[in-house]
Amino acid sequence: MSIPVCAAIRLAMIATGLLSPALGTLAIIVIYAGIFRALIHVSLRQTELVAGIRFVFFFVRLMRIFAMGAYVAVNA
């Protein structure tokens, strides 16, 4: 889900020439949240608590992707 969305946002950034430290920071947060979510998924026994923690990282990632899209839309 997020790979095509991130690719579309990145394409919009390139097309508009919009590159900023804020977008770089948001992109790094998206990457780290995905990595931590995957690590928790494969390294811990799945319980409701672990699923909740994974959801937190998913939600952080989703909100940062929306923030990147909004930033590009507003500043393009």
PDB file of N, CA and C in Angstrom:
ATOM      1  N   MET A   1       0.807  -1.184   0.000  1.00  0.00           N
ATOM      2  CA  MET A   1       0.000   0.000   0.000  1.00  0.00           C
ATOM      3  C   MET A   1       0.858   1.258   0.000  1.00  0.00           C
ATOM      4  N   SER A   2       1.807   1.352   0.890  1.00  0.00           N
ATOM      5  CA  SER A   2       2.516   2.616   1.028  1.00  0.00           C
ATOM      6  C   SER A   2       3.602   2.819  -0.025  1.00  0.00           C
ATOM      7  N   ILE A   3       4.072   1.766  -0.668  1.00  0.00           N
ATOM      8  CA  ILE A   3       5.119   1.939  -1.673  1.00  0.00           C
ATOM      9  C   ILE A   3       4.614   2.748  -2.873  1.00  0.00           C
ATOM     10  N   PRO A   4       3.466   2.421  -3.464  1.00  0.00           N
ATOM     11  CA  PRO A   4       2.982   3.259  -4.569  1.00  0.00           C
ATOM     12  C   PRO A   4       2.656   4.682  -4.134  1.00  0.00           C
ATOM     13  N   VAL A   5       2.121   4.828  -2.921  1.00  0.00           N
ATOM     14  CA  VAL A   5       1.804   6.168  -2.429  1.00  0.00           C
ATOM     15  C   VAL A   5       3.077   6.979  -2.238  1.00  0.00           C
ATOM     16  N   CYS A   6       4.082   6.380  -1.624  1.00  0.00           N
ATOM     17  CA  CYS A   6       5.364   7.077  -1.436  1.00  0.00           C
ATOM     18  C   CYS A   6       6.005   7.400  -2.777  1.00  0.00           C
ATOM     19  N   ALA A   7       5.888   6.487  -3.725  1.00  0.00           N
ATOM     20  CA  ALA A   7       6.449   6.739  -5.060  1.00  0.00           C
ATOM     21  C   ALA A   7       5.732   7.906  -5.728  1.00  0.00           C
ATOM     22  N   ALA A   8       4.416   7.979  -5.580  1.00  0.00           N
ATOM     23  CA  ALA A   8       3.663   9.086  -6.172  1.00  0.00           C
ATOM     24  C   ALA A   8       4.036  10.415  -5.522  1.00  0.00           C
ATOM     25  N   ILE A   9       4.206  10.416  -4.208  1.00  0.00           N
ATOM     26  CA  ILE A   9       4.612  11.643  -3.514  1.00  0.00           C
ATOM     27  C   ILE A   9       6.005  12.047  -3.951  1.00  0.00           C
ATOM     28  N   ARG A  10       6.896  11.090  -4.065  1.00  0.00           N
ATOM     29  CA  ARG A  10       8.265  11.382  -4.505  1.00  0.00           C
ATOM     30  C   ARG A  10       8.273  11.934  -5.929  1.00  0.00           C
ATOM     31  N   LEU A  11       7.466  11.359  -6.793  1.00  0.00           N
ATOM     32  CA  LEU A  11       7.362  11.850  -8.166  1.00  0.00           C
ATOM     33  C   LEU A  11       6.848  13.287  -8.190  1.00  0.00           C
ATOM     34  N   ALA A  12       5.852  13.580  -7.353  1.00  0.00           N
ATOM     35  CA  ALA A  12       5.338  14.945  -7.269  1.00  0.00           C
ATOM     36  C   ALA A  12       6.404  15.904  -6.753  1.00  0.00           C
ATOM     37  N   MET A  13       7.223  15.442  -5.799  1.00  0.00           N
ATOM     38  CA  MET A  13       8.305  16.285  -5.285  1.00  0.00           C
ATOM     39  C   MET A  13       9.317  16.593  -6.385  1.00  0.00           C
ATOM     40  N   ILE A  14       9.672  15.583  -7.148  1.00  0.00           N
ATOM     41  CA  ILE A  14      10.645  15.783  -8.224  1.00  0.00           C
ATOM     42  C   ILE A  14      10.071  16.688  -9.306  1.00  0.00           C
ATOM     43  N   ALA A  15       8.820  16.451  -9.671  1.00  0.00           N
ATOM     44  CA  ALA A  15       8.192  17.232 -10.741  1.00  0.00           C
ATOM     45  C   ALA A  15       8.070  18.705 -10.379  1.00  0.00           C
ATOM     46  N   THR A  16       7.831  18.999  -9.106  1.00  0.00           N
ATOM     47  CA  THR A  16       7.675  20.389  -8.690  1.00  0.00           C
ATOM     48  C   THR A  16       8.982  21.007  -8.199  1.00  0.00           C
ATOM     49  N   GLY A  17      10.020  20.200  -8.074  1.00  0.00           N
ATOM     50  CA  GLY A  17      11.293  20.706  -7.568  1.00  0.00           C
ATOM     51  C   GLY A  17      11.243  21.006  -6.083  1.00  0.00           C
ATOM     52  N   LEU A  18      10.310  20.399  -5.390  1.00  0.00           N
ATOM     53  CA  LEU A  18      10.109  20.660  -3.968  1.00  0.00           C
ATOM     54  C   LEU A  18      10.917  19.668  -3.134  1.00  0.00           C
ATOM     55  N   LEU A  19      12.046  20.113  -2.657  1.00  0.00           N
ATOM     56  CA  LEU A  19      12.887  19.301  -1.787  1.00  0.00           C
ATOM     57  C   LEU A  19      13.198  20.140  -0.554  1.00  0.00           C
ATOM     58  N   SER A  20      12.965  19.566   0.620  1.00  0.00           N
ATOM     59  CA  SER A  20      13.210  20.327   1.841  1.00  0.00           C
ATOM     60  C   SER A  20      13.654  19.388   2.955  1.00  0.00           C
ATOM     61  N   PRO A  21      14.307  19.945   3.969  1.00  0.00           N
ATOM     62  CA  PRO A  21      14.688  19.123   5.126  1.00  0.00           C
ATOM     63  C   PRO A  21      13.479  18.516   5.826  1.00  0.00           C
ATOM     64  N   ALA A  22      12.348  19.214   5.824  1.00  0.00           N
ATOM     65  CA  ALA A  22      11.140  18.682   6.470  1.00  0.00           C
ATOM     66  C   ALA A  22      10.695  17.398   5.783  1.00  0.00           C
ATOM     67  N   LEU A  23      10.710  17.374   4.476  1.00  0.00           N
ATOM     68  CA  LEU A  23      10.322  16.166   3.749  1.00  0.00           C
ATOM     69  C   LEU A  23      11.323  15.047   3.983  1.00  0.00           C
ATOM     70  N   GLY A  24      12.581  15.373   4.068  1.00  0.00           N
ATOM     71  CA  GLY A  24      13.595  14.368   4.357  1.00  0.00           C
ATOM     72  C   GLY A  24      13.396  13.743   5.721  1.00  0.00           C
ATOM     73  N   THR A  25      13.065  14.573   6.708  1.00  0.00           N
ATOM     74  CA  THR A  25      12.809  14.069   8.051  1.00  0.00           C
ATOM     75  C   THR A  25      11.576  13.173   8.073  1.00  0.00           C
ATOM     76  N   LEU A  26      10.516  13.593   7.394  1.00  0.00           N
ATOM     77  CA  LEU A  26       9.309  12.773   7.329  1.00  0.00           C
ATOM     78  C   LEU A  26       9.586  11.440   6.652  1.00  0.00           C
ATOM     79  N   ALA A  27      10.386  11.462   5.591  1.00  0.00           N
ATOM     80  CA  ALA A  27      10.716  10.222   4.885  1.00  0.00           C
ATOM     81  C   ALA A  27      11.510   9.265   5.778  1.00  0.00           C
ATOM     82  N   ILE A  28      12.429   9.798   6.558  1.00  0.00           N
ATOM     83  CA  ILE A  28      13.216   8.960   7.461  1.00  0.00           C
ATOM     84  C   ILE A  28      12.315   8.343   8.534  1.00  0.00           C
ATOM     85  N   ILE A  29      11.368   9.116   9.053  1.00  0.00           N
ATOM     86  CA  ILE A  29      10.437   8.585  10.043  1.00  0.00           C
ATOM     87  C   ILE A  29       9.598   7.461   9.438  1.00  0.00           C
ATOM     88  N   VAL A  30       9.155   7.633   8.201  1.00  0.00           N
ATOM     89  CA  VAL A  30       8.378   6.587   7.516  1.00  0.00           C
ATOM     90  C   VAL A  30       9.198   5.306   7.404  1.00  0.00           C
ATOM     91  N   ILE A  31      10.452   5.433   7.021  1.00  0.00           N
ATOM     92  CA  ILE A  31      11.314   4.259   6.865  1.00  0.00           C
ATOM     93  C   ILE A  31      11.540   3.568   8.206  1.00  0.00           C
ATOM     94  N   TYR A  32      11.890   4.335   9.246  1.00  0.00           N
ATOM     95  CA  TYR A  32      12.140   3.734  10.558  1.00  0.00           C
ATOM     96  C   TYR A  32      10.884   3.082  11.130  1.00  0.00           C
ATOM     97  N   ALA A  33       9.736   3.722  10.980  1.00  0.00           N
ATOM     98  CA  ALA A  33       8.495   3.136  11.491  1.00  0.00           C
ATOM     99  C   ALA A  33       8.207   1.807  10.800  1.00  0.00           C
ATOM    100  N   GLY A  34       8.461   1.737   9.499  1.00  0.00           N
ATOM    101  CA  GLY A  34       8.266   0.483   8.778  1.00  0.00           C
ATOM    102  C   GLY A  34       9.227  -0.602   9.227  1.00  0.00           C
ATOM    103  N   ILE A  35      10.468  -0.218   9.462  1.00  0.00           N
ATOM    104  CA  ILE A  35      11.471  -1.187   9.921  1.00  0.00           C
ATOM    105  C   ILE A  35      11.111  -1.712  11.309  1.00  0.00           C
ATOM    106  N   PHE A  36      10.768  -0.810  12.235  1.00  0.00           N
ATOM    107  CA  PHE A  36      10.420  -1.238  13.586  1.00  0.00           C
ATOM    108  C   PHE A  36       9.163  -2.103  13.588  1.00  0.00           C
ATOM    109  N   ARG A  37       8.184  -1.750  12.759  1.00  0.00           N
ATOM    110  CA  ARG A  37       6.969  -2.552  12.673  1.00  0.00           C
ATOM    111  C   ARG A  37       7.294  -3.964  12.190  1.00  0.00           C
ATOM    112  N   ALA A  38       8.130  -4.061  11.172  1.00  0.00           N
ATOM    113  CA  ALA A  38       8.502  -5.373  10.645  1.00  0.00           C
ATOM    114  C   ALA A  38       9.315  -6.174  11.662  1.00  0.00           C
ATOM    115  N   LEU A  39      10.232  -5.524  12.353  1.00  0.00           N
ATOM    116  CA  LEU A  39      11.032  -6.228  13.363  1.00  0.00           C
ATOM    117  C   LEU A  39      10.171  -6.761  14.494  1.00  0.00           C
ATOM    118  N   ILE A  40       9.226  -5.961  14.938  1.00  0.00           N
ATOM    119  CA  ILE A  40       8.325  -6.424  15.997  1.00  0.00           C
ATOM    120  C   ILE A  40       7.481  -7.588  15.494  1.00  0.00           C
ATOM    121  N   HIS A  41       7.064  -7.509  14.254  1.00  0.00           N
ATOM    122  CA  HIS A  41       6.226  -8.565  13.677  1.00  0.00           C
ATOM    123  C   HIS A  41       6.945  -9.910  13.629  1.00  0.00           C
ATOM    124  N   VAL A  42       8.209  -9.900  13.260  1.00  0.00           N
ATOM    125  CA  VAL A  42       8.925 -11.172  13.089  1.00  0.00           C
ATOM    126  C   VAL A  42       9.676 -11.631  14.332  1.00  0.00           C
ATOM    127  N   SER A  43       9.891 -10.750  15.300  1.00  0.00           N
ATOM    128  CA  SER A  43      10.736 -11.140  16.429  1.00  0.00           C
ATOM    129  C   SER A  43       9.973 -11.464  17.710  1.00  0.00           C
ATOM    130  N   LEU A  44       8.739 -11.068  17.816  1.00  0.00           N
ATOM    131  CA  LEU A  44       7.987 -11.300  19.037  1.00  0.00           C
ATOM    132  C   LEU A  44       6.803 -12.227  18.802  1.00  0.00           C
ATOM    133  N   ARG A  45       6.471 -12.987  19.822  1.00  0.00           N
ATOM    134  CA  ARG A  45       5.276 -13.823  19.755  1.00  0.00           C
ATOM    135  C   ARG A  45       4.060 -12.917  19.676  1.00  0.00           C
ATOM    136  N   GLN A  46       3.141 -13.214  18.783  1.00  0.00           N
ATOM    137  CA  GLN A  46       2.026 -12.324  18.525  1.00  0.00           C
ATOM    138  C   GLN A  46       0.961 -12.427  19.612  1.00  0.00           C
ATOM    139  N   THR A  47       0.761 -11.323  20.288  1.00  0.00           N
ATOM    140  CA  THR A  47      -0.286 -11.175  21.291  1.00  0.00           C
ATOM    141  C   THR A  47      -1.055  -9.906  20.959  1.00  0.00           C
ATOM    142  N   GLU A  48      -2.082  -9.619  21.718  1.00  0.00           N
ATOM    143  CA  GLU A  48      -2.824  -8.389  21.483  1.00  0.00           C
ATOM    144  C   GLU A  48      -1.945  -7.157  21.738  1.00  0.00           C
ATOM    145  N   LEU A  49      -1.099  -7.233  22.742  1.00  0.00           N
ATOM    146  CA  LEU A  49      -0.196  -6.115  23.031  1.00  0.00           C
ATOM    147  C   LEU A  49       0.772  -5.877  21.873  1.00  0.00           C
ATOM    148  N   VAL A  50       1.346  -6.939  21.351  1.00  0.00           N
ATOM    149  CA  VAL A  50       2.286  -6.809  20.238  1.00  0.00           C
ATOM    150  C   VAL A  50       1.564  -6.269  19.007  1.00  0.00           C
ATOM    151  N   ALA A  51       0.355  -6.739  18.760  1.00  0.00           N
ATOM    152  CA  ALA A  51      -0.425  -6.217  17.623  1.00  0.00           C
ATOM    153  C   ALA A  51      -0.707  -4.728  17.811  1.00  0.00           C
ATOM    154  N   GLY A  52      -0.984  -4.321  19.039  1.00  0.00           N
ATOM    155  CA  GLY A  52      -1.207  -2.905  19.313  1.00  0.00           C
ATOM    156  C   GLY A  52       0.037  -2.067  19.067  1.00  0.00           C
ATOM    157  N   ILE A  53       1.180  -2.585  19.455  1.00  0.00           N
ATOM    158  CA  ILE A  53       2.443  -1.869  19.217  1.00  0.00           C
ATOM    159  C   ILE A  53       2.712  -1.764  17.722  1.00  0.00           C
ATOM    160  N   ARG A  54       2.467  -2.856  16.990  1.00  0.00           N
ATOM    161  CA  ARG A  54       2.644  -2.805  15.537  1.00  0.00           C
ATOM    162  C   ARG A  54       1.708  -1.782  14.914  1.00  0.00           C
ATOM    163  N   PHE A  55       0.483  -1.699  15.422  1.00  0.00           N
ATOM    164  CA  PHE A  55      -0.461  -0.722  14.898  1.00  0.00           C
ATOM    165  C   PHE A  55       0.022   0.701  15.133  1.00  0.00           C
ATOM    166  N   VAL A  56       0.624   0.946  16.291  1.00  0.00           N
ATOM    167  CA  VAL A  56       1.160   2.286  16.564  1.00  0.00           C
ATOM    168  C   VAL A  56       2.187   2.667  15.499  1.00  0.00           C
ATOM    169  N   PHE A  57       3.113   1.754  15.176  1.00  0.00           N
ATOM    170  CA  PHE A  57       4.107   2.058  14.146  1.00  0.00           C
ATOM    171  C   PHE A  57       3.458   2.211  12.779  1.00  0.00           C
ATOM    172  N   PHE A  58       2.436   1.399  12.482  1.00  0.00           N
ATOM    173  CA  PHE A  58       1.706   1.545  11.223  1.00  0.00           C
ATOM    174  C   PHE A  58       1.038   2.910  11.156  1.00  0.00           C
ATOM    175  N   PHE A  59       0.400   3.321  12.259  1.00  0.00           N
ATOM    176  CA  PHE A  59      -0.291   4.594  12.291  1.00  0.00           C
ATOM    177  C   PHE A  59       0.675   5.765  12.147  1.00  0.00           C
ATOM    178  N   VAL A  60       1.821   5.674  12.812  1.00  0.00           N
ATOM    179  CA  VAL A  60       2.850   6.719  12.671  1.00  0.00           C
ATOM    180  C   VAL A  60       3.273   6.825  11.211  1.00  0.00           C
ATOM    181  N   ARG A  61       3.505   5.687  10.602  1.00  0.00           N
ATOM    182  CA  ARG A  61       3.914   5.671   9.197  1.00  0.00           C
ATOM    183  C   ARG A  61       2.836   6.273   8.296  1.00  0.00           C
ATOM    184  N   LEU A  62       1.600   5.883   8.517  1.00  0.00           N
ATOM    185  CA  LEU A  62       0.499   6.388   7.704  1.00  0.00           C
ATOM    186  C   LEU A  62       0.341   7.899   7.848  1.00  0.00           C
ATOM    187  N   MET A  63       0.423   8.403   9.074  1.00  0.00           N
ATOM    188  CA  MET A  63       0.271   9.847   9.294  1.00  0.00           C
ATOM    189  C   MET A  63       1.416  10.635   8.663  1.00  0.00           C
ATOM    190  N   ARG A  64       2.619  10.086   8.694  1.00  0.00           N
ATOM    191  CA  ARG A  64       3.748  10.784   8.080  1.00  0.00           C
ATOM    192  C   ARG A  64       3.622  10.797   6.556  1.00  0.00           C
ATOM    193  N   ILE A  65       3.096   9.724   5.994  1.00  0.00           N
ATOM    194  CA  ILE A  65       2.870   9.709   4.542  1.00  0.00           C
ATOM    195  C   ILE A  65       1.830  10.760   4.178  1.00  0.00           C
ATOM    196  N   PHE A  66       0.745  10.844   4.961  1.00  0.00           N
ATOM    197  CA  PHE A  66      -0.253  11.885   4.712  1.00  0.00           C
ATOM    198  C   PHE A  66       0.360  13.276   4.869  1.00  0.00           C
ATOM    199  N   ALA A  67       1.216  13.454   5.866  1.00  0.00           N
ATOM    200  CA  ALA A  67       1.862  14.750   6.077  1.00  0.00           C
ATOM    201  C   ALA A  67       2.749  15.115   4.892  1.00  0.00           C
ATOM    202  N   MET A  68       3.468  14.121   4.352  1.00  0.00           N
ATOM    203  CA  MET A  68       4.304  14.400   3.182  1.00  0.00           C
ATOM    204  C   MET A  68       3.445  14.800   1.989  1.00  0.00           C
ATOM    205  N   GLY A  69       2.363  14.090   1.769  1.00  0.00           N
ATOM    206  CA  GLY A  69       1.455  14.419   0.667  1.00  0.00           C
ATOM    207  C   GLY A  69       0.867  15.798   0.824  1.00  0.00           C
ATOM    208  N   ALA A  70       0.452  16.142   2.046  1.00  0.00           N
ATOM    209  CA  ALA A  70      -0.113  17.464   2.300  1.00  0.00           C
ATOM    210  C   ALA A  70       0.926  18.555   2.096  1.00  0.00           C
ATOM    211  N   TYR A  71       2.138  18.303   2.553  1.00  0.00           N
ATOM    212  CA  TYR A  71       3.215  19.286   2.382  1.00  0.00           C
ATOM    213  C   TYR A  71       3.469  19.561   0.905  1.00  0.00           C
ATOM    214  N   VAL A  72       3.517  18.501   0.117  1.00  0.00           N
ATOM    215  CA  VAL A  72       3.749  18.659  -1.322  1.00  0.00           C
ATOM    216  C   VAL A  72       2.569  19.383  -1.958  1.00  0.00           C
ATOM    217  N   ALA A  73       1.350  19.022  -1.583  1.00  0.00           N
ATOM    218  CA  ALA A  73       0.162  19.641  -2.178  1.00  0.00           C
ATOM    219  C   ALA A  73       0.080  21.123  -1.849  1.00  0.00           C
ATOM    220  N   VAL A  74       0.408  21.496  -0.624  1.00  0.00           N
ATOM    221  CA  VAL A  74       0.315  22.891  -0.207  1.00  0.00           C
ATOM    222  C   VAL A  74       1.441  23.733  -0.804  1.00  0.00           C
ATOM    223  N   ASN A  75       2.644  23.198  -0.871  1.00  0.00           N
ATOM    224  CA  ASN A  75       3.794  23.989  -1.294  1.00  0.00           C
ATOM    225  C   ASN A  75       4.153  23.840  -2.778  1.00  0.00           C
ATOM    226  N   ALA A  76       3.407  23.068  -3.501  1.00  0.00           N
ATOM    227  CA  ALA A  76       3.729  22.875  -4.931  1.00  0.00           C
ATOM    228  C   ALA A  76       3.282  24.045  -5.766  1.00  0.00           C
TER     229      ALA A  76
END
